[in-house]
């Protein structure tokens, strides 16, 4: 059986959670290991009669403590452990045989998977999916224009007041490792300014409300 560990970025919007993006190139630091529910994972493995666990991951992104803990749980539950380590820049994963006795857990990006190549790689496709399924209450207000230059997702018609902080953010829709311009922050006051920004939005970007929350603490 094949599975994937999905990383989801979100921000707090008052008492609600706003969904930002997701990825399958999962980074697990030593500090994050304590938040991983190993007990539930191995309850699932044993309950479903898996006798083997095969982990696919990128060594650079994955703490040794995480791997060691997985191996310890496998040993304690008589589960055979195997692994495949992919290169840091790899976009394909090794071909791992899947059967009824083996649970394959992928923590690495795979361009052959629709989830990865469409919805994780391209933020605009994920936004369109949320709009098409009427799930916009779970994402920040957004303006996104698509490649055909006709299709538009837009529920960003008003501006929130973040005091001295920005209230809008422009993001690349595709991965952007350079970060020399984007994300780009704006603080606008009028709807006329908002419409001007929309009309001049660069190709390959989308516009969202910037949700500022002083209670958010990065987990490193």
N, C-alpha and C. Protein backbone atom coordinates (compact mmCIF):
# COMPACT_ATOMS: atom_id res chain seq x y z
N UNK A 1 0.85 -1.19 0.00
CA UNK A 1 0.00 0.00 0.00
C UNK A 1 0.89 1.24 0.00
N UNK A 2 0.57 2.18 -0.88
CA UNK A 2 1.32 3.42 -0.97
C UNK A 2 0.62 4.54 -0.22
N UNK A 3 1.40 5.37 0.48
CA UNK A 3 0.85 6.52 1.19
C UNK A 3 1.83 7.67 1.08
N UNK A 4 1.36 8.86 1.41
CA UNK A 4 2.21 10.05 1.34
C UNK A 4 1.95 10.91 2.57
N UNK A 5 3.03 11.47 3.12
CA UNK A 5 2.91 12.40 4.24
C UNK A 5 2.78 13.79 3.65
N UNK A 6 1.67 14.44 3.92
CA UNK A 6 1.36 15.74 3.33
C UNK A 6 1.59 16.85 4.34
N UNK A 7 2.42 17.82 3.97
CA UNK A 7 2.65 18.97 4.83
C UNK A 7 1.74 20.12 4.42
N UNK A 8 1.05 20.71 5.37
CA UNK A 8 0.09 21.78 5.09
C UNK A 8 0.49 23.03 5.85
N UNK A 9 0.57 24.16 5.13
CA UNK A 9 0.83 25.45 5.76
C UNK A 9 -0.50 26.16 5.99
N UNK A 10 -0.66 26.72 7.18
CA UNK A 10 -1.87 27.45 7.50
C UNK A 10 -1.52 28.62 8.40
N UNK A 11 -2.47 29.53 8.54
CA UNK A 11 -2.31 30.64 9.46
C UNK A 11 -3.59 30.80 10.27
N UNK A 12 -3.46 31.32 11.46
CA UNK A 12 -4.63 31.56 12.31
C UNK A 12 -5.27 32.88 11.92
N UNK A 13 -6.58 32.83 11.71
CA UNK A 13 -7.36 34.01 11.39
C UNK A 13 -8.43 34.16 12.47
N UNK A 14 -8.06 34.84 13.56
CA UNK A 14 -8.93 34.86 14.73
C UNK A 14 -8.94 33.47 15.35
N UNK A 15 -10.13 32.89 15.46
CA UNK A 15 -10.25 31.53 15.98
C UNK A 15 -10.28 30.49 14.87
N UNK A 16 -10.20 30.92 13.64
CA UNK A 16 -10.27 30.02 12.50
C UNK A 16 -8.90 29.77 11.90
N UNK A 17 -8.79 28.70 11.13
CA UNK A 17 -7.56 28.36 10.43
C UNK A 17 -7.75 28.65 8.94
N UNK A 18 -6.81 29.36 8.35
CA UNK A 18 -6.84 29.62 6.91
C UNK A 18 -5.74 28.80 6.24
N UNK A 19 -6.14 28.02 5.28
CA UNK A 19 -5.25 27.11 4.55
C UNK A 19 -4.46 27.91 3.51
N UNK A 20 -3.12 27.72 3.48
CA UNK A 20 -2.27 28.48 2.56
C UNK A 20 -1.76 27.63 1.39
N UNK A 21 -1.08 26.55 1.67
CA UNK A 21 -0.54 25.69 0.62
C UNK A 21 -0.16 24.34 1.22
N UNK A 22 0.26 23.42 0.35
CA UNK A 22 0.66 22.11 0.84
C UNK A 22 1.84 21.61 0.01
N UNK A 23 2.55 20.63 0.58
CA UNK A 23 3.74 20.11 -0.09
C UNK A 23 3.97 18.67 0.34
N UNK A 24 4.71 17.94 -0.50
CA UNK A 24 5.07 16.57 -0.16
C UNK A 24 6.57 16.41 0.06
N UNK A 25 7.36 17.45 -0.19
CA UNK A 25 8.77 17.46 0.21
C UNK A 25 8.83 17.87 1.67
N UNK A 26 8.54 16.95 2.55
CA UNK A 26 8.32 17.26 3.96
C UNK A 26 9.65 17.42 4.69
N UNK A 27 9.76 18.52 5.44
CA UNK A 27 10.91 18.71 6.30
C UNK A 27 10.53 18.43 7.75
N UNK A 28 11.25 17.53 8.40
CA UNK A 28 10.98 17.20 9.81
C UNK A 28 12.26 17.46 10.60
N UNK A 29 12.24 18.53 11.37
CA UNK A 29 13.39 18.87 12.20
C UNK A 29 13.34 18.11 13.52
N UNK A 30 14.44 18.15 14.28
CA UNK A 30 14.47 17.49 15.58
C UNK A 30 13.39 18.04 16.50
N UNK A 31 13.15 19.34 16.40
CA UNK A 31 12.16 19.95 17.27
C UNK A 31 10.74 19.49 16.94
N UNK A 32 10.51 19.13 15.68
CA UNK A 32 9.17 18.72 15.26
C UNK A 32 8.85 17.27 15.60
N UNK A 33 9.88 16.46 15.87
CA UNK A 33 9.67 15.03 16.06
C UNK A 33 8.69 14.76 17.20
N UNK A 34 8.76 15.53 18.26
CA UNK A 34 7.91 15.28 19.43
C UNK A 34 6.42 15.48 19.12
N UNK A 35 6.11 16.18 18.02
CA UNK A 35 4.71 16.40 17.67
C UNK A 35 4.15 15.32 16.75
N UNK A 36 5.00 14.41 16.31
CA UNK A 36 4.55 13.36 15.42
C UNK A 36 3.94 12.22 16.24
N UNK A 37 2.78 11.75 15.80
CA UNK A 37 2.04 10.72 16.55
C UNK A 37 2.46 9.33 16.07
N UNK A 38 3.58 8.85 16.59
CA UNK A 38 4.07 7.52 16.21
C UNK A 38 3.13 6.41 16.68
N UNK A 39 2.51 6.61 17.83
CA UNK A 39 1.63 5.57 18.38
C UNK A 39 0.46 5.30 17.43
N UNK A 40 -0.19 6.37 16.96
CA UNK A 40 -1.32 6.18 16.04
C UNK A 40 -0.87 5.55 14.72
N UNK A 41 0.30 5.96 14.24
CA UNK A 41 0.82 5.38 13.01
C UNK A 41 1.01 3.88 13.15
N UNK A 42 1.63 3.45 14.23
CA UNK A 42 1.91 2.02 14.36
C UNK A 42 0.69 1.23 14.81
N UNK A 43 -0.26 1.87 15.43
CA UNK A 43 -1.55 1.21 15.66
C UNK A 43 -2.22 0.90 14.32
N UNK A 44 -2.12 1.86 13.40
CA UNK A 44 -2.69 1.65 12.06
C UNK A 44 -1.95 0.51 11.35
N UNK A 45 -0.63 0.52 11.44
CA UNK A 45 0.18 -0.49 10.76
C UNK A 45 -0.15 -1.90 11.27
N UNK A 46 -0.19 -2.07 12.58
CA UNK A 46 -0.44 -3.40 13.15
C UNK A 46 -1.89 -3.83 12.97
N UNK A 47 -2.83 -2.88 13.10
CA UNK A 47 -4.24 -3.22 12.94
C UNK A 47 -4.54 -3.71 11.53
N UNK A 48 -3.82 -3.15 10.55
CA UNK A 48 -4.06 -3.53 9.16
C UNK A 48 -3.12 -4.63 8.67
N UNK A 49 -2.43 -5.26 9.63
CA UNK A 49 -1.62 -6.44 9.36
C UNK A 49 -0.46 -6.20 8.39
N UNK A 50 0.07 -4.99 8.39
CA UNK A 50 1.30 -4.75 7.64
C UNK A 50 2.48 -5.32 8.42
N UNK A 51 3.36 -5.98 7.73
CA UNK A 51 4.54 -6.55 8.38
C UNK A 51 5.84 -5.85 7.95
N UNK A 52 5.72 -4.95 6.96
CA UNK A 52 6.89 -4.23 6.46
C UNK A 52 6.54 -2.74 6.31
N UNK A 53 7.53 -1.90 6.60
CA UNK A 53 7.39 -0.45 6.40
C UNK A 53 8.55 0.02 5.54
N UNK A 54 8.23 0.72 4.45
CA UNK A 54 9.26 1.26 3.56
C UNK A 54 9.11 2.77 3.52
N UNK A 55 10.14 3.47 3.95
CA UNK A 55 10.12 4.92 4.03
C UNK A 55 10.93 5.51 2.87
N UNK A 56 10.33 6.47 2.16
CA UNK A 56 11.02 7.19 1.08
C UNK A 56 11.17 8.63 1.53
N UNK A 57 12.40 9.12 1.63
CA UNK A 57 12.59 10.47 2.17
C UNK A 57 13.89 11.09 1.66
N UNK A 58 14.00 12.40 1.90
CA UNK A 58 15.22 13.13 1.57
C UNK A 58 15.99 13.38 2.86
N UNK A 59 17.21 12.90 2.89
CA UNK A 59 18.01 12.93 4.12
C UNK A 59 18.20 14.36 4.63
N UNK A 60 18.37 15.31 3.73
CA UNK A 60 18.61 16.70 4.12
C UNK A 60 17.44 17.28 4.91
N UNK A 61 16.23 16.84 4.58
CA UNK A 61 15.02 17.39 5.20
C UNK A 61 14.58 16.63 6.45
N UNK A 62 15.17 15.48 6.71
CA UNK A 62 14.60 14.58 7.71
C UNK A 62 15.57 14.35 8.87
N UNK A 63 15.13 14.69 10.07
CA UNK A 63 15.98 14.55 11.25
C UNK A 63 16.29 13.08 11.53
N UNK A 64 17.53 12.83 11.94
CA UNK A 64 17.93 11.47 12.30
C UNK A 64 17.06 10.94 13.43
N UNK A 65 16.67 11.81 14.34
CA UNK A 65 15.84 11.38 15.47
C UNK A 65 14.52 10.80 14.98
N UNK A 66 13.96 11.38 13.94
CA UNK A 66 12.70 10.88 13.37
C UNK A 66 12.89 9.47 12.81
N UNK A 67 13.95 9.29 12.01
CA UNK A 67 14.22 7.98 11.42
C UNK A 67 14.51 6.95 12.49
N UNK A 68 15.30 7.32 13.49
CA UNK A 68 15.64 6.39 14.56
C UNK A 68 14.39 5.97 15.34
N UNK A 69 13.47 6.91 15.55
CA UNK A 69 12.25 6.59 16.28
C UNK A 69 11.38 5.63 15.47
N UNK A 70 11.28 5.86 14.16
CA UNK A 70 10.55 4.94 13.28
C UNK A 70 11.15 3.54 13.37
N UNK A 71 12.48 3.46 13.31
CA UNK A 71 13.15 2.16 13.37
C UNK A 71 12.90 1.46 14.71
N UNK A 72 12.90 2.22 15.80
CA UNK A 72 12.65 1.65 17.12
C UNK A 72 11.24 1.08 17.21
N UNK A 73 10.25 1.84 16.72
CA UNK A 73 8.87 1.36 16.73
C UNK A 73 8.73 0.11 15.87
N UNK A 74 9.42 0.08 14.74
CA UNK A 74 9.37 -1.10 13.89
C UNK A 74 9.92 -2.33 14.63
N UNK A 75 11.05 -2.14 15.28
CA UNK A 75 11.66 -3.25 16.02
C UNK A 75 10.75 -3.74 17.14
N UNK A 76 10.11 -2.81 17.85
CA UNK A 76 9.25 -3.17 18.97
C UNK A 76 7.95 -3.86 18.53
N UNK A 77 7.58 -3.64 17.25
CA UNK A 77 6.32 -4.21 16.75
C UNK A 77 6.55 -5.30 15.70
N UNK A 78 7.82 -5.78 15.61
CA UNK A 78 8.16 -6.84 14.66
C UNK A 78 7.83 -6.46 13.21
N UNK A 79 8.08 -5.21 12.89
CA UNK A 79 7.87 -4.71 11.54
C UNK A 79 9.23 -4.58 10.85
N UNK A 80 9.36 -5.14 9.67
CA UNK A 80 10.60 -5.03 8.90
C UNK A 80 10.71 -3.64 8.31
N UNK A 81 11.84 -2.97 8.58
CA UNK A 81 12.03 -1.60 8.11
C UNK A 81 12.95 -1.57 6.88
N UNK A 82 12.53 -0.84 5.85
CA UNK A 82 13.36 -0.57 4.68
C UNK A 82 13.23 0.92 4.33
N UNK A 83 14.19 1.43 3.60
CA UNK A 83 14.14 2.85 3.24
C UNK A 83 14.76 3.08 1.87
N UNK A 84 14.33 4.18 1.25
CA UNK A 84 14.94 4.70 0.03
C UNK A 84 15.18 6.18 0.24
N UNK A 85 16.42 6.61 0.09
CA UNK A 85 16.79 8.01 0.28
C UNK A 85 16.97 8.65 -1.09
N UNK A 86 16.24 9.72 -1.36
CA UNK A 86 16.32 10.39 -2.66
C UNK A 86 17.21 11.62 -2.55
N UNK A 87 17.72 12.08 -3.70
CA UNK A 87 18.55 13.27 -3.74
C UNK A 87 17.74 14.51 -3.38
N UNK A 88 18.43 15.53 -2.92
CA UNK A 88 17.77 16.75 -2.47
C UNK A 88 16.93 17.38 -3.57
N UNK A 89 17.42 17.38 -4.80
CA UNK A 89 16.71 18.04 -5.90
C UNK A 89 15.88 17.08 -6.74
N UNK A 90 15.76 15.84 -6.30
CA UNK A 90 15.04 14.83 -7.08
C UNK A 90 13.55 15.17 -7.19
N UNK A 91 12.97 14.92 -8.36
CA UNK A 91 11.53 15.11 -8.56
C UNK A 91 10.83 13.79 -8.86
N UNK A 92 11.61 12.71 -8.86
CA UNK A 92 11.06 11.37 -9.01
C UNK A 92 11.51 10.52 -7.82
N UNK A 93 10.73 9.51 -7.50
CA UNK A 93 11.08 8.63 -6.39
C UNK A 93 11.48 7.26 -6.94
N UNK A 94 12.23 6.49 -6.16
CA UNK A 94 12.57 5.14 -6.60
C UNK A 94 11.31 4.28 -6.76
N UNK A 95 11.40 3.31 -7.61
CA UNK A 95 10.28 2.39 -7.83
C UNK A 95 10.29 1.34 -6.72
N UNK A 96 9.33 1.46 -5.81
CA UNK A 96 9.24 0.55 -4.67
C UNK A 96 8.00 -0.32 -4.83
N UNK A 97 8.21 -1.62 -4.79
CA UNK A 97 7.09 -2.55 -4.95
C UNK A 97 6.13 -2.42 -3.77
N UNK A 98 4.85 -2.37 -4.08
CA UNK A 98 3.82 -2.28 -3.05
C UNK A 98 3.02 -3.57 -3.02
N UNK A 99 2.77 -4.07 -1.83
CA UNK A 99 1.96 -5.28 -1.69
C UNK A 99 1.13 -5.18 -0.42
N UNK A 100 0.34 -6.18 -0.15
CA UNK A 100 -0.59 -6.16 0.98
C UNK A 100 0.12 -6.16 2.33
N UNK A 101 1.39 -6.58 2.34
CA UNK A 101 2.12 -6.66 3.60
C UNK A 101 3.00 -5.44 3.86
N UNK A 102 3.14 -4.57 2.86
CA UNK A 102 4.08 -3.45 2.95
C UNK A 102 3.34 -2.11 2.90
N UNK A 103 3.62 -1.26 3.87
CA UNK A 103 3.14 0.12 3.83
C UNK A 103 4.30 1.01 3.39
N UNK A 104 4.14 1.66 2.26
CA UNK A 104 5.15 2.59 1.75
C UNK A 104 4.72 3.99 2.13
N UNK A 105 5.59 4.71 2.86
CA UNK A 105 5.30 6.09 3.25
C UNK A 105 6.28 7.00 2.53
N UNK A 106 5.76 7.90 1.74
CA UNK A 106 6.59 8.82 0.96
C UNK A 106 6.61 10.19 1.61
N UNK A 107 7.84 10.72 1.83
CA UNK A 107 8.03 12.07 2.36
C UNK A 107 8.74 12.94 1.32
N UNK A 108 8.72 12.53 0.07
CA UNK A 108 9.47 13.21 -0.99
C UNK A 108 8.56 13.52 -2.17
N UNK A 109 8.86 14.62 -2.85
CA UNK A 109 8.08 15.06 -4.01
C UNK A 109 8.21 14.04 -5.15
N UNK A 110 7.10 13.80 -5.83
CA UNK A 110 7.08 12.89 -6.97
C UNK A 110 6.29 13.54 -8.10
N UNK A 111 6.99 13.94 -9.15
CA UNK A 111 6.33 14.66 -10.23
C UNK A 111 5.33 13.81 -11.00
N UNK A 112 5.37 12.49 -10.82
CA UNK A 112 4.43 11.61 -11.49
C UNK A 112 3.08 11.52 -10.77
N UNK A 113 3.00 12.10 -9.60
CA UNK A 113 1.75 12.08 -8.83
C UNK A 113 0.97 13.37 -9.06
N UNK A 114 -0.33 13.26 -9.33
CA UNK A 114 -1.16 14.44 -9.59
C UNK A 114 -1.17 15.37 -8.39
N UNK A 115 -1.27 14.80 -7.19
CA UNK A 115 -1.28 15.61 -5.98
C UNK A 115 -0.05 16.52 -5.93
N UNK A 116 1.10 15.95 -6.22
CA UNK A 116 2.35 16.70 -6.15
C UNK A 116 2.49 17.69 -7.29
N UNK A 117 2.38 17.17 -8.52
CA UNK A 117 2.73 17.95 -9.69
C UNK A 117 1.72 19.03 -10.01
N UNK A 118 0.48 18.84 -9.61
CA UNK A 118 -0.55 19.83 -9.91
C UNK A 118 -0.85 20.71 -8.71
N UNK A 119 -1.28 20.10 -7.62
CA UNK A 119 -1.80 20.89 -6.51
C UNK A 119 -0.74 21.35 -5.52
N UNK A 120 0.37 20.62 -5.40
CA UNK A 120 1.45 21.09 -4.52
C UNK A 120 2.38 22.05 -5.25
N UNK A 121 2.65 21.78 -6.51
CA UNK A 121 3.60 22.60 -7.26
C UNK A 121 3.00 23.93 -7.68
N UNK A 122 1.73 23.93 -8.04
CA UNK A 122 1.10 25.13 -8.59
C UNK A 122 0.02 25.64 -7.64
N UNK A 123 0.31 26.74 -6.95
CA UNK A 123 -0.65 27.29 -5.98
C UNK A 123 -1.96 27.70 -6.64
N UNK A 124 -1.89 28.16 -7.89
CA UNK A 124 -3.12 28.62 -8.56
C UNK A 124 -4.08 27.47 -8.81
N UNK A 125 -3.56 26.26 -9.08
CA UNK A 125 -4.43 25.11 -9.28
C UNK A 125 -5.12 24.71 -7.99
N UNK A 126 -4.40 24.83 -6.88
CA UNK A 126 -5.01 24.53 -5.58
C UNK A 126 -6.10 25.55 -5.26
N UNK A 127 -5.82 26.82 -5.55
CA UNK A 127 -6.82 27.88 -5.33
C UNK A 127 -8.06 27.62 -6.18
N UNK A 128 -7.85 27.26 -7.44
CA UNK A 128 -8.99 26.98 -8.33
C UNK A 128 -9.81 25.80 -7.80
N UNK A 129 -9.13 24.79 -7.29
CA UNK A 129 -9.83 23.64 -6.72
C UNK A 129 -10.73 24.07 -5.55
N UNK A 130 -10.21 24.94 -4.71
CA UNK A 130 -11.00 25.41 -3.56
C UNK A 130 -12.20 26.23 -4.02
N UNK A 131 -12.00 27.10 -5.03
CA UNK A 131 -13.11 27.89 -5.56
C UNK A 131 -14.15 26.99 -6.24
N UNK A 132 -13.69 26.05 -7.05
CA UNK A 132 -14.62 25.18 -7.79
C UNK A 132 -15.47 24.34 -6.86
N UNK A 133 -14.93 24.01 -5.68
CA UNK A 133 -15.66 23.19 -4.72
C UNK A 133 -16.29 23.99 -3.59
N UNK A 134 -16.35 25.32 -3.79
CA UNK A 134 -17.00 26.22 -2.84
C UNK A 134 -16.45 26.06 -1.42
N UNK A 135 -15.12 26.06 -1.34
CA UNK A 135 -14.43 25.91 -0.05
C UNK A 135 -13.61 27.17 0.28
N UNK A 136 -14.01 28.29 -0.25
CA UNK A 136 -13.21 29.51 -0.08
C UNK A 136 -13.19 30.02 1.36
N UNK A 137 -14.08 29.52 2.19
CA UNK A 137 -14.07 29.95 3.59
C UNK A 137 -12.84 29.44 4.33
N UNK A 138 -12.13 28.47 3.72
CA UNK A 138 -10.96 27.88 4.38
C UNK A 138 -9.64 28.47 3.90
N UNK A 139 -9.68 29.45 3.00
CA UNK A 139 -8.46 30.08 2.50
C UNK A 139 -8.57 31.59 2.65
N UNK A 140 -7.46 32.31 2.66
CA UNK A 140 -7.53 33.77 2.68
C UNK A 140 -8.24 34.27 1.42
N UNK A 141 -8.83 35.44 1.49
CA UNK A 141 -9.44 36.04 0.30
C UNK A 141 -8.37 36.17 -0.78
N UNK A 142 -8.74 35.80 -2.01
CA UNK A 142 -7.73 35.61 -3.04
C UNK A 142 -8.18 36.15 -4.39
N UNK A 143 -7.20 36.66 -5.15
CA UNK A 143 -7.40 36.98 -6.56
C UNK A 143 -6.35 36.21 -7.35
N UNK A 144 -6.81 35.37 -8.29
CA UNK A 144 -5.89 34.57 -9.10
C UNK A 144 -6.40 34.50 -10.53
N UNK A 145 -5.53 34.87 -11.48
CA UNK A 145 -5.86 34.80 -12.90
C UNK A 145 -5.05 33.66 -13.51
N UNK A 146 -5.68 32.88 -14.38
CA UNK A 146 -5.05 31.65 -14.86
C UNK A 146 -4.44 31.84 -16.24
N UNK A 147 -3.80 30.79 -16.72
CA UNK A 147 -3.00 30.88 -17.94
C UNK A 147 -3.80 31.29 -19.17
N UNK A 148 -5.09 30.97 -19.18
CA UNK A 148 -5.89 31.33 -20.35
C UNK A 148 -6.25 32.81 -20.37
N UNK A 149 -5.86 33.53 -19.28
CA UNK A 149 -6.10 34.97 -19.17
C UNK A 149 -7.59 35.34 -19.14
N UNK A 150 -8.44 34.32 -19.01
CA UNK A 150 -9.89 34.56 -18.95
C UNK A 150 -10.45 34.10 -17.61
N UNK A 151 -10.07 32.90 -17.19
CA UNK A 151 -10.55 32.34 -15.93
C UNK A 151 -9.95 33.08 -14.75
N UNK A 152 -10.82 33.52 -13.85
CA UNK A 152 -10.37 34.28 -12.67
C UNK A 152 -11.07 33.73 -11.43
N UNK A 153 -10.32 33.54 -10.37
CA UNK A 153 -10.89 33.26 -9.05
C UNK A 153 -10.71 34.52 -8.23
N UNK A 154 -11.80 35.05 -7.72
CA UNK A 154 -11.70 36.35 -7.04
C UNK A 154 -12.79 36.50 -5.99
N UNK A 155 -12.40 36.55 -4.74
CA UNK A 155 -13.31 36.97 -3.67
C UNK A 155 -12.64 38.03 -2.79
N UNK A 156 -11.62 38.67 -3.37
CA UNK A 156 -10.86 39.69 -2.65
C UNK A 156 -11.37 41.07 -3.09
N UNK A 157 -12.39 41.55 -2.40
CA UNK A 157 -13.03 42.81 -2.78
C UNK A 157 -12.93 43.88 -1.71
N UNK A 158 -12.51 43.50 -0.52
CA UNK A 158 -12.36 44.45 0.58
C UNK A 158 -10.99 44.29 1.20
N UNK A 159 -10.58 45.29 1.96
CA UNK A 159 -9.27 45.29 2.60
C UNK A 159 -9.41 45.16 4.10
N UNK A 160 -8.60 44.31 4.70
CA UNK A 160 -8.58 44.23 6.16
C UNK A 160 -7.56 45.23 6.71
N UNK A 161 -7.75 45.64 7.93
CA UNK A 161 -6.89 46.64 8.56
C UNK A 161 -5.93 45.94 9.53
N UNK A 162 -4.64 45.92 9.17
CA UNK A 162 -3.63 45.31 10.03
C UNK A 162 -2.78 46.35 10.76
N UNK A 163 -3.35 47.54 10.94
CA UNK A 163 -2.58 48.59 11.60
C UNK A 163 -1.42 49.03 10.74
N UNK A 164 -0.20 48.95 11.29
CA UNK A 164 0.98 49.38 10.54
C UNK A 164 1.52 48.27 9.64
N UNK A 165 0.92 47.10 9.72
CA UNK A 165 1.43 45.94 8.97
C UNK A 165 0.74 45.82 7.61
N UNK A 166 1.38 45.13 6.67
CA UNK A 166 0.78 44.93 5.34
C UNK A 166 -0.56 44.22 5.43
N UNK A 167 -1.42 44.44 4.44
CA UNK A 167 -2.70 43.73 4.41
C UNK A 167 -2.88 42.90 3.14
N UNK A 168 -1.87 42.91 2.25
CA UNK A 168 -1.93 42.09 1.04
C UNK A 168 -0.57 41.47 0.77
N UNK A 169 -0.58 40.30 0.12
CA UNK A 169 0.66 39.63 -0.24
C UNK A 169 0.54 39.07 -1.65
N UNK A 170 1.57 39.28 -2.45
CA UNK A 170 1.65 38.72 -3.80
C UNK A 170 2.63 37.55 -3.75
N UNK A 171 2.19 36.40 -4.27
CA UNK A 171 3.01 35.18 -4.23
C UNK A 171 3.21 34.64 -5.64
N UNK A 172 4.33 33.98 -5.84
CA UNK A 172 4.51 33.19 -7.04
C UNK A 172 3.59 31.97 -6.97
N UNK A 173 3.00 31.60 -8.10
CA UNK A 173 2.16 30.41 -8.10
C UNK A 173 2.99 29.13 -8.19
N UNK A 174 4.20 29.23 -8.75
CA UNK A 174 5.09 28.09 -8.88
C UNK A 174 6.26 28.26 -7.93
N UNK A 175 7.00 27.16 -7.63
CA UNK A 175 8.14 27.27 -6.71
C UNK A 175 9.12 28.36 -7.15
N UNK A 176 9.57 29.15 -6.18
CA UNK A 176 10.47 30.27 -6.46
C UNK A 176 11.55 30.27 -5.40
N UNK A 177 12.67 29.64 -5.69
CA UNK A 177 13.74 29.52 -4.71
C UNK A 177 14.60 30.77 -4.60
N UNK A 178 14.48 31.67 -5.54
CA UNK A 178 15.33 32.87 -5.52
C UNK A 178 14.88 33.86 -4.45
N UNK A 179 13.57 34.08 -4.33
CA UNK A 179 13.01 34.99 -3.31
C UNK A 179 13.56 36.41 -3.43
N UNK A 180 13.99 36.80 -4.63
CA UNK A 180 14.54 38.14 -4.77
C UNK A 180 13.47 39.21 -4.88
N UNK A 181 12.23 38.81 -5.17
CA UNK A 181 11.13 39.78 -5.20
C UNK A 181 9.92 39.28 -4.42
N UNK A 182 9.58 38.04 -4.63
CA UNK A 182 8.36 37.50 -4.01
C UNK A 182 8.72 36.57 -2.85
N UNK A 183 7.89 36.54 -1.81
CA UNK A 183 6.60 37.23 -1.67
C UNK A 183 6.77 38.74 -1.53
N UNK A 184 5.79 39.46 -2.08
CA UNK A 184 5.80 40.92 -2.10
C UNK A 184 4.63 41.42 -1.26
N UNK A 185 4.90 42.31 -0.33
CA UNK A 185 3.88 42.78 0.61
C UNK A 185 3.39 44.18 0.25
N UNK A 186 2.11 44.42 0.48
CA UNK A 186 1.51 45.74 0.20
C UNK A 186 0.62 46.15 1.36
N UNK A 187 0.55 47.45 1.58
CA UNK A 187 -0.40 48.01 2.53
C UNK A 187 -1.23 49.04 1.78
N UNK A 188 -2.48 48.66 1.46
CA UNK A 188 -3.36 49.53 0.69
C UNK A 188 -4.50 50.03 1.56
N UNK A 189 -5.07 51.16 1.13
CA UNK A 189 -6.12 51.79 1.94
C UNK A 189 -7.47 51.84 1.24
N UNK A 190 -7.49 51.79 -0.09
CA UNK A 190 -8.74 51.96 -0.82
C UNK A 190 -8.98 50.81 -1.78
N UNK A 191 -10.25 50.63 -2.14
CA UNK A 191 -10.60 49.58 -3.10
C UNK A 191 -10.08 49.93 -4.49
N UNK A 192 -9.92 51.22 -4.77
CA UNK A 192 -9.36 51.64 -6.06
C UNK A 192 -7.90 51.17 -6.17
N UNK A 193 -7.15 51.30 -5.09
CA UNK A 193 -5.77 50.81 -5.08
C UNK A 193 -5.73 49.30 -5.26
N UNK A 194 -6.69 48.61 -4.67
CA UNK A 194 -6.77 47.16 -4.79
C UNK A 194 -7.02 46.76 -6.24
N UNK A 195 -7.95 47.44 -6.91
CA UNK A 195 -8.24 47.12 -8.30
C UNK A 195 -7.03 47.40 -9.20
N UNK A 196 -6.30 48.46 -8.91
CA UNK A 196 -5.10 48.77 -9.69
C UNK A 196 -4.07 47.67 -9.53
N UNK A 197 -3.88 47.19 -8.30
CA UNK A 197 -2.92 46.12 -8.05
C UNK A 197 -3.33 44.85 -8.78
N UNK A 198 -4.62 44.53 -8.76
CA UNK A 198 -5.11 43.35 -9.48
C UNK A 198 -4.81 43.46 -10.97
N UNK A 199 -5.10 44.63 -11.53
CA UNK A 199 -4.95 44.81 -12.98
C UNK A 199 -3.48 44.79 -13.42
N UNK A 200 -2.56 45.03 -12.49
CA UNK A 200 -1.15 45.08 -12.82
C UNK A 200 -0.37 43.90 -12.24
N UNK A 201 -1.09 42.87 -11.83
CA UNK A 201 -0.46 41.72 -11.23
C UNK A 201 0.40 41.00 -12.27
N UNK A 202 1.63 40.69 -11.91
CA UNK A 202 2.55 40.03 -12.85
C UNK A 202 2.08 38.62 -13.17
N UNK A 203 2.38 38.17 -14.37
CA UNK A 203 2.05 36.81 -14.76
C UNK A 203 2.76 35.81 -13.84
N UNK A 204 2.04 34.76 -13.49
CA UNK A 204 2.63 33.74 -12.62
C UNK A 204 2.57 34.09 -11.15
N UNK A 205 1.71 35.03 -10.77
CA UNK A 205 1.55 35.39 -9.36
C UNK A 205 0.07 35.39 -9.00
N UNK A 206 -0.21 35.37 -7.72
CA UNK A 206 -1.57 35.53 -7.22
C UNK A 206 -1.54 36.49 -6.04
N UNK A 207 -2.69 37.05 -5.74
CA UNK A 207 -2.82 38.06 -4.69
C UNK A 207 -3.74 37.53 -3.60
N UNK A 208 -3.31 37.66 -2.33
CA UNK A 208 -4.14 37.25 -1.20
C UNK A 208 -4.11 38.30 -0.10
N UNK A 209 -5.16 38.28 0.72
CA UNK A 209 -5.11 39.10 1.92
C UNK A 209 -4.00 38.57 2.82
N UNK A 210 -3.31 39.48 3.47
CA UNK A 210 -2.25 39.09 4.40
C UNK A 210 -2.83 39.09 5.80
N UNK A 211 -2.88 37.91 6.39
CA UNK A 211 -3.45 37.75 7.72
C UNK A 211 -2.34 37.88 8.75
N UNK A 212 -2.40 38.93 9.55
CA UNK A 212 -1.35 39.19 10.53
C UNK A 212 -1.83 38.72 11.90
N UNK A 213 -1.03 37.88 12.53
CA UNK A 213 -1.40 37.33 13.83
C UNK A 213 -0.16 37.32 14.72
N UNK A 214 -0.20 38.08 15.80
CA UNK A 214 0.96 38.19 16.69
C UNK A 214 1.21 36.93 17.50
N UNK A 215 0.23 36.00 17.53
CA UNK A 215 0.36 34.80 18.34
C UNK A 215 1.07 33.68 17.60
N UNK A 216 1.31 33.85 16.29
CA UNK A 216 1.97 32.79 15.54
C UNK A 216 3.46 32.74 15.85
N UNK A 217 3.94 31.55 16.20
CA UNK A 217 5.35 31.35 16.50
C UNK A 217 5.89 30.30 15.54
N UNK A 218 6.89 30.60 14.73
CA UNK A 218 7.42 29.60 13.79
C UNK A 218 7.94 28.37 14.52
N UNK A 219 7.69 27.20 13.92
CA UNK A 219 8.19 25.94 14.46
C UNK A 219 9.41 25.52 13.63
N UNK A 220 10.59 25.62 14.22
CA UNK A 220 11.83 25.38 13.47
C UNK A 220 12.37 23.98 13.76
